[in-house]
Amino acid sequence: MTRTRSSRKAAAPPAEAVPHAMTDDMVQLLTPSGEVTDAARLPDPDTQRHLYRLMRRARHFDERAWVLYRTGRMGVFPPYGGMEASQVGTAAALTHEDWLFPTYRDTGAALTYGLPIPQTIAYWRTSPHGWAMPENLKVLPFYIPIATQYPHAVGAALAEARRGTSNVAMAFIGDGGSSEGDFHEALNFAGALNAPCVFILQNNGWAISVPTRAQTKATNLSRRADGYGIPGVRVDGNDVLATYVVTREAVERARRGEGPTLIETVTYRVKPHTVADDPSRYRTADDTAGWDEKDPVVRLRTHLLAQGHLTEEQDAEIVREIEAEFEAALAEADAYPEPTPAEIVNHVFAEPTPALRRQRAELLAEEGQ
């Protein structure tokens, strides 16, 4: 019997069948207009102001990075403007005893966790002065490969458990990365071994130029946790208060030895994939319609002003402090000495391999040292 290959092609799902939208099954504490939906779960006013300041600080870095890139003072940078709540609200739930595994788009999370601004600038300048992470921070360099950070985070979490600590590991991924095998293997691995992990899945609508609806028929990515026997939570990723509360609960659960959680933060990549990208080539105004009105910084500011937790004068002072901090950090980064070629091999392994030693010796010889 002869078998022939079918010429039929699977029909792509219509755009309206698999929306990237905010639905009723999602945790939300503040509406886009700043109105409270669940007062009982709100963090205290001091925490709300702290989260607001962290978001303003993260946004300022993102905005200044664009300027630095366009004036030749920064390398290609993946902007995250509009996703501050997703990154700040998650990373703010950690302590410096915990682990952070960021993707290339999670500069806001790394800054929130404590990565110094001068070093962050140096990293995105591709300078060796930004390659080695601070010894007092358990943060990994920004992951460029997709999804490899998830199994690494499980390993770090299991190591902490074996040491008898209550420390957790938090790893980030995008909606596109959640289709990678490493994502699923890590969730299964963590669930089976009860690893103290918090997995953050930032569903920002796009995997470079591919919309979420084109890569999966699933409309609730947090449900992927069900297949691995772990909790999954979907949260409004433009609501920093809801994101923080949900993440804090997951972190505390992991600390108690109750295992991992997958958190899907529903947000949107309003900016290009990188500063060198042109999103108008693959998405339309209809794709991005309505997301500016969901701005996370404006949302929390509106709430804080309405509740009397923040005044216009205090807000202006926060902005002045953030601007001054960044300019001082930029001056420090500008003062770093020019890197030498041999520095490219200095931070590959804690103990250099014989091959790296030979390469370093060759580079030094070329430099006349």
Protein backbone atom coordinates (compact mmCIF):
# COMPACT_ATOMS: atom_id res chain seq x y z
CA MET A 1 0.00 0.00 0.00
CA THR A 2 1.44 3.33 -1.04
CA ARG A 3 1.14 6.26 1.34
CA THR A 4 1.10 9.78 0.00
CA ARG A 5 1.82 12.96 1.91
CA SER A 6 -1.27 15.06 2.34
CA SER A 7 -1.14 18.45 0.65
CA ARG A 8 -3.51 19.92 3.19
CA LYS A 9 -2.08 22.52 5.55
CA ALA A 10 -3.35 23.13 9.04
CA ALA A 11 -5.35 26.30 9.16
CA ALA A 12 -3.96 29.01 11.43
CA PRO A 13 -6.36 29.97 14.22
CA PRO A 14 -8.16 33.24 13.56
CA ALA A 15 -6.80 36.12 15.59
CA GLU A 16 -10.00 36.53 17.56
CA ALA A 17 -10.01 32.86 18.60
CA VAL A 18 -6.86 33.11 20.67
CA PRO A 19 -6.74 36.62 22.12
CA HIS A 20 -3.97 38.17 24.17
CA ALA A 21 -6.37 39.72 26.60
CA MET A 22 -7.16 40.31 30.24
CA THR A 23 -9.84 37.87 31.34
CA ASP A 24 -11.95 37.21 34.42
CA ASP A 25 -9.71 34.38 35.65
CA MET A 26 -6.86 36.79 36.32
CA VAL A 27 -5.86 38.33 39.65
CA GLN A 28 -6.18 42.12 39.62
CA LEU A 29 -6.18 44.59 42.52
CA LEU A 30 -6.15 47.86 40.55
CA THR A 31 -8.08 48.58 37.37
CA PRO A 32 -6.29 50.46 34.56
CA SER A 33 -7.90 53.66 35.90
CA GLY A 34 -6.39 53.03 39.34
CA GLU A 35 -9.57 51.90 41.11
CA VAL A 36 -9.28 49.22 43.81
CA THR A 37 -10.94 45.86 43.10
CA ASP A 38 -9.87 43.95 46.23
CA ALA A 39 -8.90 46.21 49.14
CA ALA A 40 -8.31 43.30 51.52
CA ARG A 41 -5.30 42.07 49.53
CA LEU A 42 -3.62 45.43 48.99
CA PRO A 43 -0.10 45.84 50.40
CA ASP A 44 0.37 48.57 53.01
CA PRO A 45 0.89 52.17 51.78
CA ASP A 46 4.65 52.13 52.43
CA THR A 47 5.03 49.05 50.22
CA GLN A 48 2.87 50.64 47.54
CA ARG A 49 5.09 53.76 47.49
CA HIS A 50 8.21 51.58 47.44
CA LEU A 51 6.93 49.65 44.43
CA TYR A 52 6.03 52.90 42.69
CA ARG A 53 9.53 54.26 43.18
CA LEU A 54 11.06 51.05 41.87
CA MET A 55 8.90 51.24 38.75
CA ARG A 56 9.79 54.89 38.13
CA ARG A 57 13.47 53.97 38.56
CA ALA A 58 13.19 51.05 36.13
CA ARG A 59 11.37 53.17 33.56
CA HIS A 60 13.97 55.93 33.80
CA PHE A 61 16.73 53.43 33.02
CA ASP A 62 14.78 52.13 30.02
CA GLU A 63 14.18 55.61 28.66
CA ARG A 64 17.79 56.73 29.16
CA ALA A 65 19.08 53.52 27.57
CA TRP A 66 17.31 54.51 24.34
CA VAL A 67 19.04 57.88 24.37
CA LEU A 68 22.42 56.33 25.10
CA TYR A 69 22.00 53.83 22.25
CA ARG A 70 21.07 56.53 19.75
CA THR A 71 24.07 58.63 20.75
CA GLY A 72 26.49 55.70 20.45
CA ARG A 73 26.95 55.20 24.19
CA MET A 74 25.05 51.92 24.60
CA GLY A 75 24.93 48.66 22.69
CA VAL A 76 21.79 47.00 21.35
CA PHE A 77 19.35 46.95 24.25
CA PRO A 78 16.02 45.11 24.69
CA PRO A 79 13.57 47.71 26.05
CA TYR A 80 10.94 46.74 28.60
CA GLY A 81 8.98 49.98 28.92
CA GLY A 82 5.37 49.17 29.81
CA MET A 83 6.37 45.92 31.52
CA GLU A 84 7.68 47.51 34.74
CA ALA A 85 4.93 46.08 36.95
CA SER A 86 5.64 42.56 35.72
CA GLN A 87 9.35 42.85 36.53
CA VAL A 88 9.30 45.02 39.64
CA GLY A 89 6.33 43.29 41.27
CA THR A 90 8.01 39.89 40.97
CA ALA A 91 11.64 40.67 41.82
CA ALA A 92 10.61 42.86 44.78
CA ALA A 93 9.29 39.74 46.53
CA LEU A 94 12.82 38.30 46.84
CA THR A 95 15.61 38.85 49.35
CA HIS A 96 19.30 38.93 48.49
CA GLU A 97 19.60 35.38 49.80
CA ASP A 98 17.39 34.20 46.92
CA TRP A 99 18.40 33.57 43.30
CA LEU A 100 17.38 35.57 40.23
CA PHE A 101 17.61 34.14 36.70
CA PRO A 102 16.68 36.93 34.24
CA THR A 103 16.22 36.84 30.48
CA TYR A 104 17.70 39.52 28.26
CA ARG A 105 14.56 41.66 28.65
CA ASP A 106 14.56 41.65 32.45
CA THR A 107 16.84 44.58 33.22
CA GLY A 108 14.03 46.06 35.30
CA ALA A 109 13.91 42.92 37.45
CA ALA A 110 17.69 42.89 37.89
CA LEU A 111 17.73 46.56 38.92
CA THR A 112 14.92 45.90 41.38
CA TYR A 113 16.83 42.96 42.83
CA GLY A 114 19.87 45.17 43.39
CA LEU A 115 22.13 45.03 40.33
CA PRO A 116 24.06 48.34 40.41
CA ILE A 117 23.21 50.79 37.64
CA PRO A 118 26.86 51.43 36.58
CA GLN A 119 27.44 47.72 36.14
CA THR A 120 24.17 47.34 34.25
CA ILE A 121 25.18 50.12 31.86
CA ALA A 122 28.55 48.45 31.37
CA TYR A 123 26.87 45.12 30.61
CA TRP A 124 24.74 46.61 27.83
CA ARG A 125 27.85 48.35 26.52
CA THR A 126 29.34 44.85 26.13
CA SER A 127 32.09 45.89 28.52
CA PRO A 128 33.83 43.29 30.74
CA HIS A 129 33.20 45.66 33.65
CA GLY A 130 29.59 44.52 33.51
CA TRP A 131 30.12 40.82 32.97
CA ALA A 132 30.89 39.57 36.49
CA MET A 133 27.87 39.78 38.77
CA PRO A 134 28.42 41.27 42.27
CA GLU A 135 29.55 38.70 44.82
CA ASN A 136 26.84 39.78 47.26
CA LEU A 137 24.01 39.16 44.75
CA LYS A 138 22.76 35.78 43.60
CA VAL A 139 21.86 37.06 40.15
CA LEU A 140 22.91 35.41 36.93
CA PRO A 141 23.93 37.35 33.81
CA PHE A 142 21.09 38.13 31.42
CA TYR A 143 20.24 34.95 29.53
CA ILE A 144 20.26 35.29 25.75
CA PRO A 145 19.49 31.61 24.92
CA ILE A 146 15.78 30.92 25.26
CA ALA A 147 14.56 28.88 28.26
CA THR A 148 17.95 27.56 29.42
CA GLN A 149 17.59 29.58 32.63
CA TYR A 150 14.62 27.50 33.81
CA PRO A 151 16.50 24.21 34.44
CA HIS A 152 19.39 26.20 35.92
CA ALA A 153 17.01 27.79 38.42
CA VAL A 154 15.71 24.39 39.45
CA GLY A 155 19.28 23.27 40.12
CA ALA A 156 19.99 26.32 42.27
CA ALA A 157 16.73 25.83 44.18
CA LEU A 158 17.48 22.17 44.87
CA ALA A 159 20.98 23.08 46.03
CA GLU A 160 19.49 25.53 48.54
CA ALA A 161 17.05 22.86 49.73
CA ARG A 162 19.88 20.37 50.25
CA ARG A 163 21.79 22.96 52.23
CA GLY A 164 18.78 23.31 54.50
CA THR A 165 18.06 26.97 53.73
CA SER A 166 14.69 28.54 52.99
CA ASN A 167 16.04 30.42 49.96
CA VAL A 168 14.20 30.26 46.64
CA ALA A 169 15.08 30.66 42.97
CA MET A 170 13.10 32.85 40.59
CA ALA A 171 13.41 32.46 36.83
CA PHE A 172 11.86 34.53 34.06
CA ILE A 173 10.71 33.50 30.60
CA GLY A 174 8.55 34.94 27.84
CA ASP A 175 5.46 33.50 26.19
CA GLY A 176 7.59 32.34 23.28
CA GLY A 177 10.07 30.65 25.60
CA SER A 178 7.24 28.67 27.19
CA SER A 179 7.08 26.61 23.99
CA GLU A 180 10.68 25.44 24.45
CA GLY A 181 11.44 21.98 25.80
CA ASP A 182 13.57 23.37 28.64
CA PHE A 183 10.52 25.16 30.01
CA HIS A 184 8.49 21.95 30.29
CA GLU A 185 11.39 19.87 31.54
CA ALA A 186 12.11 22.40 34.28
CA LEU A 187 8.50 22.48 35.47
CA ASN A 188 8.36 18.70 35.58
CA PHE A 189 11.75 18.51 37.29
CA ALA A 190 10.78 21.12 39.90
CA GLY A 191 7.39 19.58 40.56
CA ALA A 192 8.70 16.04 40.92
CA LEU A 193 11.45 17.09 43.35
CA ASN A 194 9.44 19.82 45.12
CA ALA A 195 12.04 22.47 44.30
CA PRO A 196 11.58 25.91 45.93
CA CYS A 197 11.19 27.71 42.59
CA VAL A 198 9.00 30.58 41.41
CA PHE A 199 8.64 30.54 37.63
CA ILE A 200 7.66 33.87 36.06
CA LEU A 201 6.11 33.61 32.58
CA GLN A 202 5.82 37.11 31.15
CA ASN A 203 3.17 36.88 28.48
CA ASN A 204 3.85 40.11 26.59
CA GLY A 205 2.10 39.07 23.42
CA TRP A 206 5.12 38.62 21.18
CA ALA A 207 8.05 36.27 20.60
CA ILE A 208 10.08 38.74 18.53
CA SER A 209 7.68 39.06 15.56
CA VAL A 210 5.43 36.07 16.31
CA PRO A 211 2.23 36.82 18.25
CA THR A 212 1.23 34.50 21.07
CA ARG A 213 -1.90 33.46 19.17
CA ALA A 214 0.27 32.11 16.33
CA GLN A 215 2.48 29.90 18.48
CA THR A 216 -0.17 28.31 20.71
CA LYS A 217 -3.91 27.78 20.87
CA ALA A 218 -3.77 28.10 24.66
CA THR A 219 -5.37 31.25 26.05
CA ASN A 220 -4.22 30.78 29.66
CA LEU A 221 -0.54 29.85 29.83
CA SER A 222 -0.61 29.48 33.61
CA ARG A 223 -2.66 26.31 33.08
CA ARG A 224 0.47 24.64 31.76
CA ALA A 225 1.35 24.13 35.42
CA ASP A 226 -1.52 21.63 35.71
CA GLY A 227 0.36 19.07 33.66
CA TYR A 228 3.18 19.02 36.19
CA GLY A 229 1.11 18.98 39.37
CA ILE A 230 2.10 22.47 40.52
CA PRO A 231 0.03 25.62 41.11
CA GLY A 232 -0.41 28.07 38.26
CA VAL A 233 -1.61 31.65 38.74
CA ARG A 234 -2.57 34.23 36.13
CA VAL A 235 -2.13 37.86 37.15
CA ASP A 236 -2.58 41.26 35.56
CA GLY A 237 1.06 41.99 34.76
CA ASN A 238 0.37 45.72 34.44
CA ASP A 239 -0.90 45.85 38.03
CA VAL A 240 2.21 45.94 40.21
CA LEU A 241 0.25 45.48 43.45
CA ALA A 242 -1.46 42.30 42.25
CA THR A 243 1.79 41.01 40.76
CA TYR A 244 3.67 41.63 44.00
CA VAL A 245 1.01 40.02 46.20
CA VAL A 246 0.74 36.90 44.01
CA THR A 247 4.51 36.55 43.79
CA ARG A 248 5.03 37.10 47.51
CA GLU A 249 2.53 34.33 48.24
CA ALA A 250 4.37 31.99 45.86
CA VAL A 251 7.75 32.85 47.42
CA GLU A 252 6.42 32.24 50.92
CA ARG A 253 4.93 28.95 49.78
CA ALA A 254 8.30 27.86 48.39
CA ARG A 255 10.06 28.90 51.60
CA ARG A 256 7.70 26.67 53.58
CA GLY A 257 8.81 23.70 51.51
CA GLU A 258 5.57 23.48 49.53
CA GLY A 259 7.24 23.52 46.13
CA PRO A 260 7.19 25.57 42.94
CA THR A 261 4.61 27.90 41.40
CA LEU A 262 4.16 29.11 37.82
CA ILE A 263 2.96 32.73 37.55
CA GLU A 264 1.79 34.10 34.21
CA THR A 265 1.97 37.90 34.16
CA VAL A 266 -0.24 39.21 31.36
CA THR A 267 1.38 42.35 30.00
CA TYR A 268 2.40 43.74 26.61
CA ARG A 269 5.61 44.57 24.81
CA VAL A 270 4.67 48.04 23.68
CA LYS A 271 8.27 48.75 22.66
CA PRO A 272 10.26 47.04 19.88
CA HIS A 273 11.99 43.70 20.43
CA THR A 274 15.27 45.63 20.68
CA VAL A 275 16.24 49.22 20.01
CA ALA A 276 17.35 48.02 16.55
CA ASP A 277 13.93 46.50 15.74
CA ASP A 278 11.09 47.97 13.67
CA PRO A 279 7.82 46.46 14.97
CA SER A 280 5.79 48.25 12.33
CA ARG A 281 6.96 45.54 9.91
CA TYR A 282 5.01 42.83 11.71
CA ARG A 283 2.28 44.40 13.86
CA THR A 284 -0.43 46.98 13.34
CA ALA A 285 -1.95 49.73 15.40
CA ASP A 286 -4.86 47.38 16.13
CA ASP A 287 -2.45 44.96 17.80
CA THR A 288 -1.27 47.53 20.31
CA ALA A 289 -4.55 49.40 20.74
CA GLY A 290 -5.53 49.98 24.35
CA TRP A 291 -2.26 49.02 25.99
CA ASP A 292 -1.05 52.58 26.54
CA GLU A 293 -4.14 53.08 28.70
CA LYS A 294 -3.00 50.13 30.85
CA ASP A 295 0.35 51.80 31.66
CA PRO A 296 1.50 50.31 35.01
CA VAL A 297 3.30 53.40 36.28
CA VAL A 298 0.39 55.73 35.56
CA ARG A 299 -2.03 53.23 37.10
CA LEU A 300 -0.28 53.10 40.47
CA ARG A 301 0.46 56.83 40.49
CA THR A 302 -3.24 57.56 39.95
CA HIS A 303 -4.17 55.26 42.83
CA LEU A 304 -1.57 56.68 45.22
CA LEU A 305 -2.59 60.27 44.54
CA ALA A 306 -6.28 59.45 44.91
CA GLN A 307 -5.70 57.70 48.24
CA GLY A 308 -3.47 60.45 49.61
CA HIS A 309 -0.49 58.09 49.83
CA LEU A 310 1.49 60.36 47.49
CA THR A 311 1.50 64.07 46.70
CA GLU A 312 2.55 65.82 43.50
CA GLU A 313 5.51 67.32 45.38
CA GLN A 314 6.63 63.91 46.66
CA ASP A 315 6.31 62.47 43.18
CA ALA A 316 8.47 65.24 41.73
CA GLU A 317 11.08 64.63 44.41
CA ILE A 318 11.15 60.91 43.58
CA VAL A 319 11.81 61.77 39.93
CA ARG A 320 14.62 64.18 40.85
CA GLU A 321 16.29 61.57 43.06
CA ILE A 322 16.06 58.92 40.34
CA GLU A 323 17.47 61.25 37.71
CA ALA A 324 20.38 62.24 39.96
CA GLU A 325 21.10 58.61 40.82
CA PHE A 326 21.22 57.64 37.15
CA GLU A 327 23.48 60.53 36.12
CA ALA A 328 25.94 59.66 38.91
CA ALA A 329 25.86 56.02 37.83
CA LEU A 330 26.41 56.99 34.20
CA ALA A 331 29.43 59.10 35.17
CA GLU A 332 30.83 56.11 37.07
CA ALA A 333 30.29 53.81 34.08
CA ASP A 334 31.89 56.36 31.76
CA ALA A 335 34.95 56.40 34.02
CA TYR A 336 35.57 52.66 33.74
CA PRO A 337 38.89 52.06 31.97
CA GLU A 338 38.85 50.79 28.40
CA PRO A 339 38.80 46.97 28.42
CA THR A 340 41.73 44.98 27.10
CA PRO A 341 41.28 41.99 24.75
CA ALA A 342 42.48 39.54 27.41
CA GLU A 343 39.58 40.49 29.69
CA ILE A 344 37.17 38.61 27.41
CA VAL A 345 38.23 35.30 29.02
CA ASN A 346 38.37 36.48 32.64
CA HIS A 347 34.80 35.71 33.68
CA VAL A 348 34.01 32.52 31.77
CA PHE A 349 34.69 30.05 34.58
CA ALA A 350 35.49 30.48 38.27
CA GLU A 351 38.60 28.37 37.64
CA PRO A 352 40.03 28.96 34.15
CA THR A 353 40.44 25.85 32.03
CA PRO A 354 43.82 25.06 30.40
CA ALA A 355 42.42 26.23 27.06
CA LEU A 356 41.36 29.57 28.54
CA ARG A 357 44.76 30.04 30.15
CA ARG A 358 46.44 29.48 26.77
CA GLN A 359 44.06 31.88 25.05
CA ARG A 360 44.65 34.53 27.69
CA ALA A 361 48.41 34.12 27.36
CA GLU A 362 48.15 34.51 23.59
CA LEU A 363 46.05 37.66 23.93
CA LEU A 364 48.46 39.16 26.45
CA ALA A 365 51.36 38.35 24.15
CA GLU A 366 49.64 40.16 21.29
CA GLU A 367 49.24 43.14 23.59
CA GLY A 368 52.93 43.03 24.35
CA GLN A 369 52.52 42.03 27.98
